[in-house]
Amino acid sequence: LEVNGQEACHAIGADARPATEAEALLLQAETLRLMTVEALSECGAAGQKGELLQHLVLRLRSADAAVQTLLAKLQQTVEGECRLALQPANWARWGEHYLRTLRCMLRKQRRSNFRDQALQDFG
C-alpha cells in the first residue's frame, strides 16, 4: 500500500510483517482523512450540517497526539474554512461548491489551491 508516494505497508505471503509504529500512525491518519471525505459528503447532503461538522472535529481532536500532528493541517481547514462554508449566507454563494471540491481533492490527494492547508502537501 502506497500513500503520498511512500510505502505504508507491504505484505506478500511469507513477507508479511506487523506494521511499524510509523506505518501504523500513517494508516490511522489516512483512515481519518478518508473519514473526513465521507463526513464532508454527509455535511453537503444533510440538514444538520453544523452537528456533523462538530462530530468530525471531535473525531480529529480525539486522535492520538502523533496522529494529530500528521492531521494538524486537515483539522485547521475543517475548523476554519469548512465552518465558514456551512454558514447559511456562505453556503448558497460558495460553500456547497467548496465542500464538493475539498472532499474531491482530499480523496484524490490533489491540491486545488494555495489557501487550504490540508491540501498543501499534495501534488
C-alpha atoms as a PDB file:
ATOM      1  CA  LEU A   1       0.000   0.000   0.000  1.00  0.00           C
ATOM      2  CA  GLU A   2       1.443   3.332  -1.041  1.00  0.00           C
ATOM      3  CA  VAL A   3       0.331   6.638   0.491  1.00  0.00           C
ATOM      4  CA  ASN A   4       1.626  10.027  -0.671  1.00  0.00           C
ATOM      5  CA  GLY A   5       4.338   8.297  -2.662  1.00  0.00           C
ATOM      6  CA  GLN A   6       5.639   6.373   0.368  1.00  0.00           C
ATOM      7  CA  GLU A   7       5.140   2.714   1.089  1.00  0.00           C
ATOM      8  CA  ALA A   8       2.779   2.498   4.070  1.00  0.00           C
ATOM      9  CA  CYS A   9       2.724  -1.289   4.341  1.00  0.00           C
ATOM     10  CA  HIS A  10       3.883  -4.286   2.402  1.00  0.00           C
ATOM     11  CA  ALA A  11       2.645  -7.859   2.528  1.00  0.00           C
ATOM     12  CA  ILE A  12       3.253 -10.701   0.117  1.00  0.00           C
ATOM     13  CA  GLY A  13       2.709 -14.173   1.532  1.00  0.00           C
ATOM     14  CA  ALA A  14       5.638 -15.073   3.761  1.00  0.00           C
ATOM     15  CA  ASP A  15       6.918 -11.473   3.659  1.00  0.00           C
ATOM     16  CA  ALA A  16       4.016 -10.259   5.791  1.00  0.00           C
ATOM     17  CA  ARG A  17       5.081  -8.468   8.947  1.00  0.00           C
ATOM     18  CA  PRO A  18       3.394  -6.300  11.548  1.00  0.00           C
ATOM     19  CA  ALA A  19       3.288  -2.605  10.744  1.00  0.00           C
ATOM     20  CA  THR A  20       5.957  -0.456  12.325  1.00  0.00           C
ATOM     21  CA  GLU A  21       4.839   2.306  14.669  1.00  0.00           C
ATOM     22  CA  ALA A  22       5.353   4.929  11.953  1.00  0.00           C
ATOM     23  CA  GLU A  23       3.349   2.866   9.452  1.00  0.00           C
ATOM     24  CA  ALA A  24       0.537   2.374  11.946  1.00  0.00           C
ATOM     25  CA  LEU A  25       0.363   6.122  12.610  1.00  0.00           C
ATOM     26  CA  LEU A  26       0.299   6.858   8.888  1.00  0.00           C
ATOM     27  CA  LEU A  27      -2.509   4.346   8.373  1.00  0.00           C
ATOM     28  CA  GLN A  28      -4.513   5.928  11.215  1.00  0.00           C
ATOM     29  CA  ALA A  29      -4.008   9.376   9.702  1.00  0.00           C
ATOM     30  CA  GLU A  30      -5.056   8.181   6.245  1.00  0.00           C
ATOM     31  CA  THR A  31      -8.137   6.495   7.710  1.00  0.00           C
ATOM     32  CA  LEU A  32      -9.128   9.790   9.343  1.00  0.00           C
ATOM     33  CA  ARG A  33      -8.505  11.656   6.077  1.00  0.00           C
ATOM     34  CA  LEU A  34     -10.902   9.316   4.295  1.00  0.00           C
ATOM     35  CA  MET A  35     -13.415   9.614   7.151  1.00  0.00           C
ATOM     36  CA  THR A  36     -13.204  13.375   6.638  1.00  0.00           C
ATOM     37  CA  VAL A  37     -14.062  12.929   2.957  1.00  0.00           C
ATOM     38  CA  GLU A  38     -17.088  10.849   3.930  1.00  0.00           C
ATOM     39  CA  ALA A  39     -18.183  13.328   6.615  1.00  0.00           C
ATOM     40  CA  LEU A  40     -17.903  16.264   4.208  1.00  0.00           C
ATOM     41  CA  SER A  41     -20.123  14.366   1.776  1.00  0.00           C
ATOM     42  CA  GLU A  42     -22.691  13.909   4.515  1.00  0.00           C
ATOM     43  CA  CYS A  43     -22.447  17.583   5.512  1.00  0.00           C
ATOM     44  CA  GLY A  44     -23.285  18.603   1.974  1.00  0.00           C
ATOM     45  CA  ALA A  45     -26.390  16.429   1.892  1.00  0.00           C
ATOM     46  CA  ALA A  46     -27.720  16.732   5.442  1.00  0.00           C
ATOM     47  CA  GLY A  47     -29.837  19.329   7.143  1.00  0.00           C
ATOM     48  CA  GLN A  48     -27.784  19.118  10.351  1.00  0.00           C
ATOM     49  CA  LYS A  49     -24.563  20.334   8.747  1.00  0.00           C
ATOM     50  CA  GLY A  50     -23.149  22.008  11.840  1.00  0.00           C
ATOM     51  CA  GLU A  51     -23.649  18.958  14.047  1.00  0.00           C
ATOM     52  CA  LEU A  52     -21.955  16.660  11.528  1.00  0.00           C
ATOM     53  CA  LEU A  53     -19.013  19.019  11.229  1.00  0.00           C
ATOM     54  CA  GLN A  54     -18.697  19.275  15.020  1.00  0.00           C
ATOM     55  CA  HIS A  55     -18.677  15.472  15.240  1.00  0.00           C
ATOM     56  CA  LEU A  56     -15.866  15.397  12.663  1.00  0.00           C
ATOM     57  CA  VAL A  57     -13.856  18.000  14.596  1.00  0.00           C
ATOM     58  CA  LEU A  58     -14.226  15.943  17.791  1.00  0.00           C
ATOM     59  CA  ARG A  59     -13.040  12.840  15.953  1.00  0.00           C
ATOM     60  CA  LEU A  60      -9.950  14.635  14.672  1.00  0.00           C
ATOM     61  CA  ARG A  61      -9.215  16.075  18.116  1.00  0.00           C
ATOM     62  CA  SER A  62      -9.579  12.677  19.821  1.00  0.00           C
ATOM     63  CA  ALA A  63      -6.872  11.039  17.702  1.00  0.00           C
ATOM     64  CA  ASP A  64      -3.527  10.114  19.257  1.00  0.00           C
ATOM     65  CA  ALA A  65      -1.137  13.039  19.645  1.00  0.00           C
ATOM     66  CA  ALA A  66       1.204  11.679  16.963  1.00  0.00           C
ATOM     67  CA  VAL A  67      -1.710  11.278  14.526  1.00  0.00           C
ATOM     68  CA  GLN A  68      -2.943  14.777  15.372  1.00  0.00           C
ATOM     69  CA  THR A  69       0.474  16.087  14.347  1.00  0.00           C
ATOM     70  CA  LEU A  70       0.030  14.442  10.944  1.00  0.00           C
ATOM     71  CA  LEU A  71      -3.505  15.841  10.672  1.00  0.00           C
ATOM     72  CA  ALA A  72      -2.950  19.361  12.028  1.00  0.00           C
ATOM     73  CA  LYS A  73      -3.421  20.994   8.623  1.00  0.00           C
ATOM     74  CA  LEU A  74      -6.563  18.974   7.932  1.00  0.00           C
ATOM     75  CA  GLN A  75      -8.006  19.934  11.309  1.00  0.00           C
ATOM     76  CA  GLN A  76      -7.177  23.597  10.668  1.00  0.00           C
ATOM     77  CA  THR A  77      -9.011  23.520   7.321  1.00  0.00           C
ATOM     78  CA  VAL A  78     -12.039  21.722   8.755  1.00  0.00           C
ATOM     79  CA  GLU A  79     -12.336  24.060  11.732  1.00  0.00           C
ATOM     80  CA  GLY A  80     -11.785  27.184   9.655  1.00  0.00           C
ATOM     81  CA  GLU A  81     -12.866  27.098   6.022  1.00  0.00           C
ATOM     82  CA  CYS A  82     -15.409  24.284   6.361  1.00  0.00           C
ATOM     83  CA  ARG A  83     -17.193  26.052   9.210  1.00  0.00           C
ATOM     84  CA  LEU A  84     -17.336  29.206   7.114  1.00  0.00           C
ATOM     85  CA  ALA A  85     -18.646  27.243   4.127  1.00  0.00           C
ATOM     86  CA  LEU A  86     -21.522  25.817   6.171  1.00  0.00           C
ATOM     87  CA  GLN A  87     -22.811  29.206   7.320  1.00  0.00           C
ATOM     88  CA  PRO A  88     -26.148  29.843   5.582  1.00  0.00           C
ATOM     89  CA  ALA A  89     -25.026  33.033   3.799  1.00  0.00           C
ATOM     90  CA  ASN A  90     -21.861  31.347   2.503  1.00  0.00           C
ATOM     91  CA  TRP A  91     -23.468  28.003   1.675  1.00  0.00           C
ATOM     92  CA  ALA A  92     -25.565  29.463  -1.135  1.00  0.00           C
ATOM     93  CA  ARG A  93     -22.734  31.579  -2.563  1.00  0.00           C
ATOM     94  CA  TRP A  94     -19.684  29.334  -2.393  1.00  0.00           C
ATOM     95  CA  GLY A  95     -19.898  26.829   0.474  1.00  0.00           C
ATOM     96  CA  GLU A  96     -21.562  23.967  -1.363  1.00  0.00           C
ATOM     97  CA  HIS A  97     -19.040  24.131  -4.208  1.00  0.00           C
ATOM     98  CA  TYR A  98     -16.150  24.481  -1.759  1.00  0.00           C
ATOM     99  CA  LEU A  99     -17.058  21.327   0.191  1.00  0.00           C
ATOM    100  CA  ARG A 100     -17.528  19.358  -3.026  1.00  0.00           C
ATOM    101  CA  THR A 101     -14.104  20.452  -4.286  1.00  0.00           C
ATOM    102  CA  LEU A 102     -12.369  19.921  -0.926  1.00  0.00           C
ATOM    103  CA  ARG A 103     -13.641  16.384  -0.479  1.00  0.00           C
ATOM    104  CA  CYS A 104     -12.661  15.546  -4.068  1.00  0.00           C
ATOM    105  CA  MET A 105      -9.156  16.939  -3.550  1.00  0.00           C
ATOM    106  CA  LEU A 106      -8.755  15.117  -0.233  1.00  0.00           C
ATOM    107  CA  ARG A 107      -9.892  11.856  -1.799  1.00  0.00           C
ATOM    108  CA  LYS A 108      -7.564  12.202  -4.805  1.00  0.00           C
ATOM    109  CA  GLN A 109      -4.727  13.813  -2.830  1.00  0.00           C
ATOM    110  CA  ARG A 110      -4.554  16.796  -5.150  1.00  0.00           C
ATOM    111  CA  ARG A 111      -4.005  20.487  -4.483  1.00  0.00           C
ATOM    112  CA  SER A 112      -6.633  22.772  -5.990  1.00  0.00           C
ATOM    113  CA  ASN A 113      -5.496  26.000  -4.335  1.00  0.00           C
ATOM    114  CA  PHE A 114      -2.846  27.548  -2.126  1.00  0.00           C
ATOM    115  CA  ARG A 115      -5.166  28.579   0.690  1.00  0.00           C
ATOM    116  CA  ASP A 116      -6.309  25.290   2.207  1.00  0.00           C
ATOM    117  CA  GLN A 117      -3.583  23.963   4.482  1.00  0.00           C
ATOM    118  CA  ALA A 118      -4.964  20.424   4.256  1.00  0.00           C
ATOM    119  CA  LEU A 119      -4.095  20.294   0.550  1.00  0.00           C
ATOM    120  CA  GLN A 120      -0.611  21.794   0.615  1.00  0.00           C
ATOM    121  CA  ASP A 121       1.293  18.515   0.905  1.00  0.00           C
ATOM    122  CA  PHE A 122      -0.395  17.070  -2.177  1.00  0.00           C
ATOM    123  CA  GLY A 123       0.807  17.405  -5.753  1.00  0.00           C
END
